[in-house]
Amino acid sequence: MFGITVRDHMMVAHSFRGEVFGPAQRLHGATFVVDATFRRRELDADDLVVDIGLATAALQAVLSGLTYRNLDDDPAFAGRNTSTEFLAKVVADRLAERVAAGELGEGARGLEGIVVTLHESHVAWASYERSLP
């Protein structure tokens, strides 16, 4: 399986519900380094996994809808804990929508999967992996 990874970051504010979160139940900020890995079994006609420039632009566009926001105020997340794991899935699903819309080029239609990893520190991170149709 071939893969290419692009990286960016986002800064959010949020709070959590539930005793398991301890002091993180209060409003706090988080800065995530975000890696998005695009995977496929065979390279495209240009011997690429995906155009790295288009992949970078797609990740930036997805993150721009989340960064510098209080996620508690976003109706899309009402009733949810915007945990690192949950946000990794949100980013992966939004990238998948962009692939399906053709925003990463025709060659990207051969992609088989996306893995998104959110690094909340140098010692802790979470990932979500999904298939593409």
N, C-alpha and C. Protein backbone atom coordinates (compact mmCIF):
# COMPACT_ATOMS: atom_id res chain seq x y z
N MET A 1 0.85 -1.18 0.00
CA MET A 1 0.00 0.00 0.00
C MET A 1 0.89 1.23 0.00
N PHE A 2 0.62 2.15 -0.92
CA PHE A 2 1.34 3.42 -0.97
C PHE A 2 0.62 4.45 -0.12
N GLY A 3 1.37 5.40 0.39
CA GLY A 3 0.76 6.47 1.16
C GLY A 3 1.54 7.76 1.02
N ILE A 4 0.83 8.85 1.12
CA ILE A 4 1.46 10.17 1.18
C ILE A 4 0.78 10.93 2.31
N THR A 5 1.57 11.64 3.09
CA THR A 5 1.05 12.36 4.25
C THR A 5 1.33 13.84 4.10
N VAL A 6 0.31 14.64 4.41
CA VAL A 6 0.48 16.10 4.48
C VAL A 6 0.14 16.52 5.91
N ARG A 7 0.70 17.65 6.32
CA ARG A 7 0.57 18.07 7.72
C ARG A 7 0.18 19.54 7.80
N ASP A 8 -0.62 19.84 8.81
CA ASP A 8 -1.01 21.21 9.12
C ASP A 8 -1.32 21.24 10.62
N HIS A 9 -1.95 22.28 11.09
CA HIS A 9 -2.32 22.35 12.50
C HIS A 9 -3.62 23.14 12.64
N MET A 10 -4.25 22.97 13.80
CA MET A 10 -5.44 23.76 14.11
C MET A 10 -5.45 24.06 15.61
N MET A 11 -6.05 25.20 15.94
CA MET A 11 -6.22 25.62 17.32
C MET A 11 -7.70 25.80 17.57
N VAL A 12 -8.21 25.13 18.61
CA VAL A 12 -9.63 25.19 18.92
C VAL A 12 -9.82 25.46 20.41
N ALA A 13 -11.04 25.85 20.74
CA ALA A 13 -11.47 25.91 22.13
C ALA A 13 -12.64 24.95 22.24
N HIS A 14 -12.74 24.29 23.39
CA HIS A 14 -13.87 23.37 23.61
C HIS A 14 -13.88 22.97 25.08
N SER A 15 -14.97 22.30 25.47
CA SER A 15 -15.08 21.72 26.81
C SER A 15 -15.71 20.35 26.65
N PHE A 16 -15.61 19.55 27.70
CA PHE A 16 -16.15 18.19 27.65
C PHE A 16 -17.19 18.00 28.75
N ARG A 17 -18.10 17.09 28.50
CA ARG A 17 -19.08 16.69 29.50
C ARG A 17 -18.71 15.30 30.01
N GLY A 18 -18.73 15.14 31.32
CA GLY A 18 -18.46 13.84 31.92
C GLY A 18 -17.30 13.89 32.89
N GLU A 19 -17.48 13.22 34.01
CA GLU A 19 -16.45 13.20 35.06
C GLU A 19 -15.12 12.64 34.57
N VAL A 20 -15.16 11.74 33.59
CA VAL A 20 -13.94 11.14 33.08
C VAL A 20 -12.95 12.19 32.57
N PHE A 21 -13.47 13.38 32.21
CA PHE A 21 -12.62 14.43 31.64
C PHE A 21 -12.01 15.35 32.69
N GLY A 22 -12.39 15.18 33.96
CA GLY A 22 -11.79 15.99 35.02
C GLY A 22 -11.81 17.46 34.72
N PRO A 23 -10.67 18.17 34.86
CA PRO A 23 -10.65 19.61 34.66
C PRO A 23 -10.92 20.03 33.21
N ALA A 24 -10.81 19.12 32.27
CA ALA A 24 -11.08 19.45 30.86
C ALA A 24 -12.57 19.67 30.61
N GLN A 25 -13.39 19.48 31.65
CA GLN A 25 -14.81 19.81 31.52
C GLN A 25 -14.99 21.33 31.37
N ARG A 26 -14.03 22.08 31.87
CA ARG A 26 -14.08 23.54 31.71
C ARG A 26 -13.57 23.90 30.31
N LEU A 27 -14.00 25.06 29.84
CA LEU A 27 -13.54 25.55 28.54
C LEU A 27 -12.02 25.65 28.55
N HIS A 28 -11.39 25.12 27.50
CA HIS A 28 -9.94 25.16 27.38
C HIS A 28 -9.56 25.16 25.90
N GLY A 29 -8.32 25.47 25.63
CA GLY A 29 -7.83 25.48 24.27
C GLY A 29 -7.02 24.24 23.97
N ALA A 30 -6.96 23.91 22.70
CA ALA A 30 -6.13 22.78 22.25
C ALA A 30 -5.53 23.13 20.91
N THR A 31 -4.26 22.80 20.75
CA THR A 31 -3.58 22.95 19.47
C THR A 31 -3.19 21.56 19.00
N PHE A 32 -3.64 21.21 17.81
CA PHE A 32 -3.38 19.89 17.25
C PHE A 32 -2.50 20.01 16.02
N VAL A 33 -1.47 19.18 15.93
CA VAL A 33 -0.76 18.96 14.68
C VAL A 33 -1.56 17.86 13.98
N VAL A 34 -1.93 18.10 12.72
CA VAL A 34 -2.82 17.19 12.01
C VAL A 34 -2.10 16.59 10.81
N ASP A 35 -2.02 15.26 10.78
CA ASP A 35 -1.47 14.53 9.65
C ASP A 35 -2.61 13.84 8.91
N ALA A 36 -2.62 13.99 7.60
CA ALA A 36 -3.60 13.29 6.76
C ALA A 36 -2.83 12.43 5.78
N THR A 37 -3.03 11.12 5.88
CA THR A 37 -2.35 10.17 4.99
C THR A 37 -3.36 9.61 4.01
N PHE A 38 -3.02 9.70 2.75
CA PHE A 38 -3.86 9.19 1.67
C PHE A 38 -3.21 7.90 1.16
N ARG A 39 -4.04 6.84 0.99
CA ARG A 39 -3.49 5.52 0.65
C ARG A 39 -4.14 4.93 -0.59
N ARG A 40 -3.32 4.15 -1.31
CA ARG A 40 -3.81 3.40 -2.47
C ARG A 40 -2.85 2.25 -2.76
N ARG A 41 -3.37 1.22 -3.37
CA ARG A 41 -2.55 0.04 -3.70
C ARG A 41 -1.64 0.27 -4.90
N GLU A 42 -2.15 0.96 -5.89
CA GLU A 42 -1.39 1.21 -7.12
C GLU A 42 -1.28 2.71 -7.35
N LEU A 43 -0.15 3.15 -7.86
CA LEU A 43 0.02 4.56 -8.18
C LEU A 43 -0.84 4.93 -9.37
N ASP A 44 -1.15 6.22 -9.50
CA ASP A 44 -1.97 6.67 -10.62
C ASP A 44 -1.13 6.72 -11.89
N ALA A 45 -1.69 7.23 -12.98
CA ALA A 45 -1.00 7.27 -14.28
C ALA A 45 0.26 8.12 -14.23
N ASP A 46 0.35 9.04 -13.27
CA ASP A 46 1.54 9.88 -13.11
C ASP A 46 2.50 9.35 -12.05
N ASP A 47 2.25 8.12 -11.60
CA ASP A 47 3.05 7.49 -10.54
C ASP A 47 2.98 8.25 -9.22
N LEU A 48 1.79 8.73 -8.91
CA LEU A 48 1.53 9.44 -7.67
C LEU A 48 0.45 8.73 -6.86
N VAL A 49 0.48 8.95 -5.55
CA VAL A 49 -0.65 8.55 -4.71
C VAL A 49 -1.75 9.58 -4.91
N VAL A 50 -1.39 10.85 -4.75
CA VAL A 50 -2.29 11.97 -4.95
C VAL A 50 -1.42 13.21 -5.12
N ASP A 51 -1.92 14.20 -5.78
CA ASP A 51 -1.19 15.46 -5.95
C ASP A 51 -0.98 16.08 -4.56
N ILE A 52 0.27 16.25 -4.16
CA ILE A 52 0.56 16.71 -2.80
C ILE A 52 0.07 18.14 -2.58
N GLY A 53 0.12 18.97 -3.61
CA GLY A 53 -0.38 20.34 -3.48
C GLY A 53 -1.88 20.38 -3.25
N LEU A 54 -2.62 19.55 -3.99
CA LEU A 54 -4.07 19.49 -3.82
C LEU A 54 -4.44 18.88 -2.47
N ALA A 55 -3.66 17.89 -2.03
CA ALA A 55 -3.92 17.28 -0.72
C ALA A 55 -3.68 18.29 0.40
N THR A 56 -2.62 19.07 0.27
CA THR A 56 -2.31 20.09 1.25
C THR A 56 -3.40 21.15 1.30
N ALA A 57 -3.85 21.59 0.12
CA ALA A 57 -4.92 22.60 0.06
C ALA A 57 -6.21 22.07 0.65
N ALA A 58 -6.53 20.81 0.40
CA ALA A 58 -7.75 20.22 0.94
C ALA A 58 -7.69 20.15 2.46
N LEU A 59 -6.55 19.75 3.01
CA LEU A 59 -6.42 19.69 4.46
C LEU A 59 -6.54 21.09 5.06
N GLN A 60 -5.88 22.07 4.44
CA GLN A 60 -5.98 23.45 4.94
C GLN A 60 -7.43 23.93 4.92
N ALA A 61 -8.16 23.61 3.87
CA ALA A 61 -9.55 24.05 3.76
C ALA A 61 -10.42 23.41 4.84
N VAL A 62 -10.22 22.12 5.08
CA VAL A 62 -10.99 21.44 6.12
C VAL A 62 -10.69 22.05 7.48
N LEU A 63 -9.42 22.25 7.77
CA LEU A 63 -9.04 22.78 9.09
C LEU A 63 -9.47 24.23 9.28
N SER A 64 -9.56 24.99 8.19
CA SER A 64 -9.97 26.39 8.32
C SER A 64 -11.40 26.50 8.84
N GLY A 65 -12.20 25.46 8.64
CA GLY A 65 -13.56 25.46 9.17
C GLY A 65 -13.64 25.13 10.64
N LEU A 66 -12.52 24.74 11.23
CA LEU A 66 -12.48 24.34 12.65
C LEU A 66 -11.59 25.24 13.50
N THR A 67 -10.52 25.73 12.94
CA THR A 67 -9.52 26.42 13.73
C THR A 67 -9.99 27.82 14.16
N TYR A 68 -9.48 28.24 15.30
CA TYR A 68 -9.83 29.52 15.93
C TYR A 68 -11.31 29.62 16.24
N ARG A 69 -11.93 28.48 16.58
CA ARG A 69 -13.35 28.46 16.91
C ARG A 69 -13.56 27.76 18.25
N ASN A 70 -14.63 28.15 18.91
CA ASN A 70 -15.09 27.42 20.08
C ASN A 70 -16.02 26.33 19.56
N LEU A 71 -15.58 25.11 19.58
CA LEU A 71 -16.36 24.01 19.02
C LEU A 71 -17.66 23.77 19.79
N ASP A 72 -17.73 24.24 21.02
CA ASP A 72 -18.97 24.13 21.80
C ASP A 72 -20.10 24.92 21.14
N ASP A 73 -19.76 25.93 20.34
CA ASP A 73 -20.76 26.78 19.69
C ASP A 73 -21.17 26.28 18.31
N ASP A 74 -20.55 25.23 17.82
CA ASP A 74 -20.83 24.71 16.48
C ASP A 74 -22.02 23.76 16.53
N PRO A 75 -23.12 24.08 15.86
CA PRO A 75 -24.30 23.21 15.89
C PRO A 75 -24.02 21.79 15.39
N ALA A 76 -23.02 21.62 14.54
CA ALA A 76 -22.68 20.29 14.03
C ALA A 76 -22.19 19.36 15.14
N PHE A 77 -21.73 19.94 16.24
CA PHE A 77 -21.17 19.14 17.33
C PHE A 77 -22.05 19.14 18.58
N ALA A 78 -23.28 19.62 18.45
CA ALA A 78 -24.18 19.70 19.60
C ALA A 78 -24.36 18.32 20.22
N GLY A 79 -24.18 18.26 21.53
CA GLY A 79 -24.36 17.01 22.25
C GLY A 79 -23.20 16.04 22.15
N ARG A 80 -22.10 16.45 21.52
CA ARG A 80 -20.94 15.57 21.35
C ARG A 80 -19.75 16.11 22.13
N ASN A 81 -18.90 15.22 22.61
CA ASN A 81 -17.61 15.60 23.14
C ASN A 81 -16.64 15.64 21.97
N THR A 82 -16.07 16.81 21.71
CA THR A 82 -15.15 16.95 20.59
C THR A 82 -13.75 16.49 21.00
N SER A 83 -13.68 15.21 21.34
CA SER A 83 -12.41 14.59 21.74
C SER A 83 -11.45 14.53 20.56
N THR A 84 -10.22 14.25 20.84
CA THR A 84 -9.22 14.11 19.78
C THR A 84 -9.65 13.03 18.79
N GLU A 85 -10.16 11.90 19.31
CA GLU A 85 -10.61 10.81 18.44
C GLU A 85 -11.77 11.24 17.55
N PHE A 86 -12.74 11.93 18.16
CA PHE A 86 -13.90 12.40 17.42
C PHE A 86 -13.49 13.37 16.32
N LEU A 87 -12.60 14.31 16.64
CA LEU A 87 -12.16 15.29 15.65
C LEU A 87 -11.36 14.66 14.52
N ALA A 88 -10.60 13.60 14.82
CA ALA A 88 -9.88 12.90 13.75
C ALA A 88 -10.87 12.35 12.73
N LYS A 89 -11.99 11.82 13.20
CA LYS A 89 -13.02 11.30 12.28
C LYS A 89 -13.66 12.44 11.49
N VAL A 90 -13.95 13.55 12.14
CA VAL A 90 -14.53 14.70 11.45
C VAL A 90 -13.63 15.14 10.30
N VAL A 91 -12.35 15.28 10.57
CA VAL A 91 -11.41 15.72 9.53
C VAL A 91 -11.34 14.68 8.40
N ALA A 92 -11.25 13.41 8.74
CA ALA A 92 -11.18 12.36 7.72
C ALA A 92 -12.44 12.36 6.85
N ASP A 93 -13.60 12.47 7.46
CA ASP A 93 -14.85 12.47 6.70
C ASP A 93 -14.94 13.68 5.79
N ARG A 94 -14.51 14.82 6.27
CA ARG A 94 -14.56 16.04 5.44
C ARG A 94 -13.56 15.98 4.30
N LEU A 95 -12.41 15.34 4.53
CA LEU A 95 -11.47 15.13 3.43
C LEU A 95 -12.05 14.16 2.40
N ALA A 96 -12.71 13.11 2.87
CA ALA A 96 -13.34 12.14 1.96
C ALA A 96 -14.38 12.82 1.08
N GLU A 97 -15.12 13.77 1.63
CA GLU A 97 -16.11 14.52 0.84
C GLU A 97 -15.41 15.30 -0.26
N ARG A 98 -14.26 15.87 0.02
CA ARG A 98 -13.52 16.63 -0.98
C ARG A 98 -12.94 15.72 -2.07
N VAL A 99 -12.50 14.53 -1.67
CA VAL A 99 -12.04 13.55 -2.67
C VAL A 99 -13.20 13.20 -3.60
N ALA A 100 -14.36 12.89 -3.02
CA ALA A 100 -15.54 12.50 -3.82
C ALA A 100 -15.98 13.63 -4.74
N ALA A 101 -15.79 14.88 -4.32
CA ALA A 101 -16.18 16.03 -5.13
C ALA A 101 -15.17 16.34 -6.24
N GLY A 102 -14.05 15.60 -6.27
CA GLY A 102 -13.05 15.81 -7.31
C GLY A 102 -12.05 16.90 -7.01
N GLU A 103 -12.04 17.43 -5.78
CA GLU A 103 -11.15 18.53 -5.45
C GLU A 103 -9.68 18.15 -5.37
N LEU A 104 -9.39 16.86 -5.30
CA LEU A 104 -7.99 16.42 -5.26
C LEU A 104 -7.56 15.86 -6.61
N GLY A 105 -8.33 16.12 -7.65
CA GLY A 105 -7.99 15.70 -9.00
C GLY A 105 -8.53 14.33 -9.35
N GLU A 106 -8.54 14.06 -10.64
CA GLU A 106 -9.08 12.79 -11.13
C GLU A 106 -8.28 11.60 -10.62
N GLY A 107 -6.96 11.76 -10.51
CA GLY A 107 -6.13 10.67 -10.02
C GLY A 107 -6.50 10.22 -8.62
N ALA A 108 -7.09 11.12 -7.84
CA ALA A 108 -7.46 10.81 -6.46
C ALA A 108 -8.65 9.87 -6.39
N ARG A 109 -9.35 9.68 -7.50
CA ARG A 109 -10.50 8.78 -7.49
C ARG A 109 -10.07 7.33 -7.21
N GLY A 110 -8.79 7.04 -7.38
CA GLY A 110 -8.28 5.71 -7.10
C GLY A 110 -7.82 5.51 -5.66
N LEU A 111 -7.96 6.53 -4.83
CA LEU A 111 -7.58 6.40 -3.43
C LEU A 111 -8.47 5.37 -2.75
N GLU A 112 -7.87 4.61 -1.85
CA GLU A 112 -8.61 3.57 -1.14
C GLU A 112 -8.89 3.92 0.32
N GLY A 113 -8.10 4.85 0.87
CA GLY A 113 -8.32 5.17 2.28
C GLY A 113 -7.62 6.43 2.70
N ILE A 114 -8.07 6.92 3.85
CA ILE A 114 -7.48 8.10 4.48
C ILE A 114 -7.29 7.77 5.96
N VAL A 115 -6.14 8.17 6.49
CA VAL A 115 -5.89 8.09 7.92
C VAL A 115 -5.60 9.51 8.39
N VAL A 116 -6.32 9.96 9.41
CA VAL A 116 -6.07 11.28 9.98
C VAL A 116 -5.61 11.08 11.42
N THR A 117 -4.48 11.70 11.74
CA THR A 117 -3.92 11.64 13.09
C THR A 117 -3.84 13.05 13.65
N LEU A 118 -4.41 13.24 14.83
CA LEU A 118 -4.32 14.50 15.54
C LEU A 118 -3.37 14.31 16.71
N HIS A 119 -2.28 15.07 16.69
CA HIS A 119 -1.29 15.03 17.77
C HIS A 119 -1.64 16.13 18.75
N GLU A 120 -2.04 15.77 19.98
CA GLU A 120 -2.35 16.80 20.96
C GLU A 120 -1.13 17.19 21.77
N SER A 121 -0.09 16.39 21.70
CA SER A 121 1.19 16.75 22.32
C SER A 121 2.25 15.84 21.70
N HIS A 122 3.48 15.98 22.18
CA HIS A 122 4.56 15.14 21.66
C HIS A 122 4.48 13.71 22.20
N VAL A 123 3.58 13.46 23.15
CA VAL A 123 3.47 12.12 23.73
C VAL A 123 2.08 11.50 23.59
N ALA A 124 1.12 12.21 22.98
CA ALA A 124 -0.24 11.67 22.87
C ALA A 124 -0.90 12.10 21.57
N TRP A 125 -1.53 11.15 20.90
CA TRP A 125 -2.24 11.44 19.65
C TRP A 125 -3.31 10.39 19.43
N ALA A 126 -4.22 10.68 18.50
CA ALA A 126 -5.29 9.76 18.16
C ALA A 126 -5.47 9.77 16.65
N SER A 127 -5.92 8.63 16.11
CA SER A 127 -6.10 8.50 14.67
C SER A 127 -7.47 7.94 14.34
N TYR A 128 -7.89 8.22 13.12
CA TYR A 128 -9.09 7.60 12.57
C TYR A 128 -8.77 7.21 11.14
N GLU A 129 -9.08 5.97 10.79
CA GLU A 129 -8.83 5.45 9.44
C GLU A 129 -10.16 5.09 8.81
N ARG A 130 -10.33 5.51 7.56
CA ARG A 130 -11.56 5.17 6.85
C ARG A 130 -11.25 4.78 5.41
N SER A 131 -12.12 3.94 4.88
CA SER A 131 -12.03 3.55 3.47
C SER A 131 -12.70 4.60 2.61
N LEU A 132 -12.32 4.60 1.35
CA LEU A 132 -12.98 5.46 0.37
C LEU A 132 -13.67 4.56 -0.65
N PRO A 133 -14.83 5.02 -1.11
CA PRO A 133 -15.57 4.19 -2.10
C PRO A 133 -14.85 4.09 -3.43
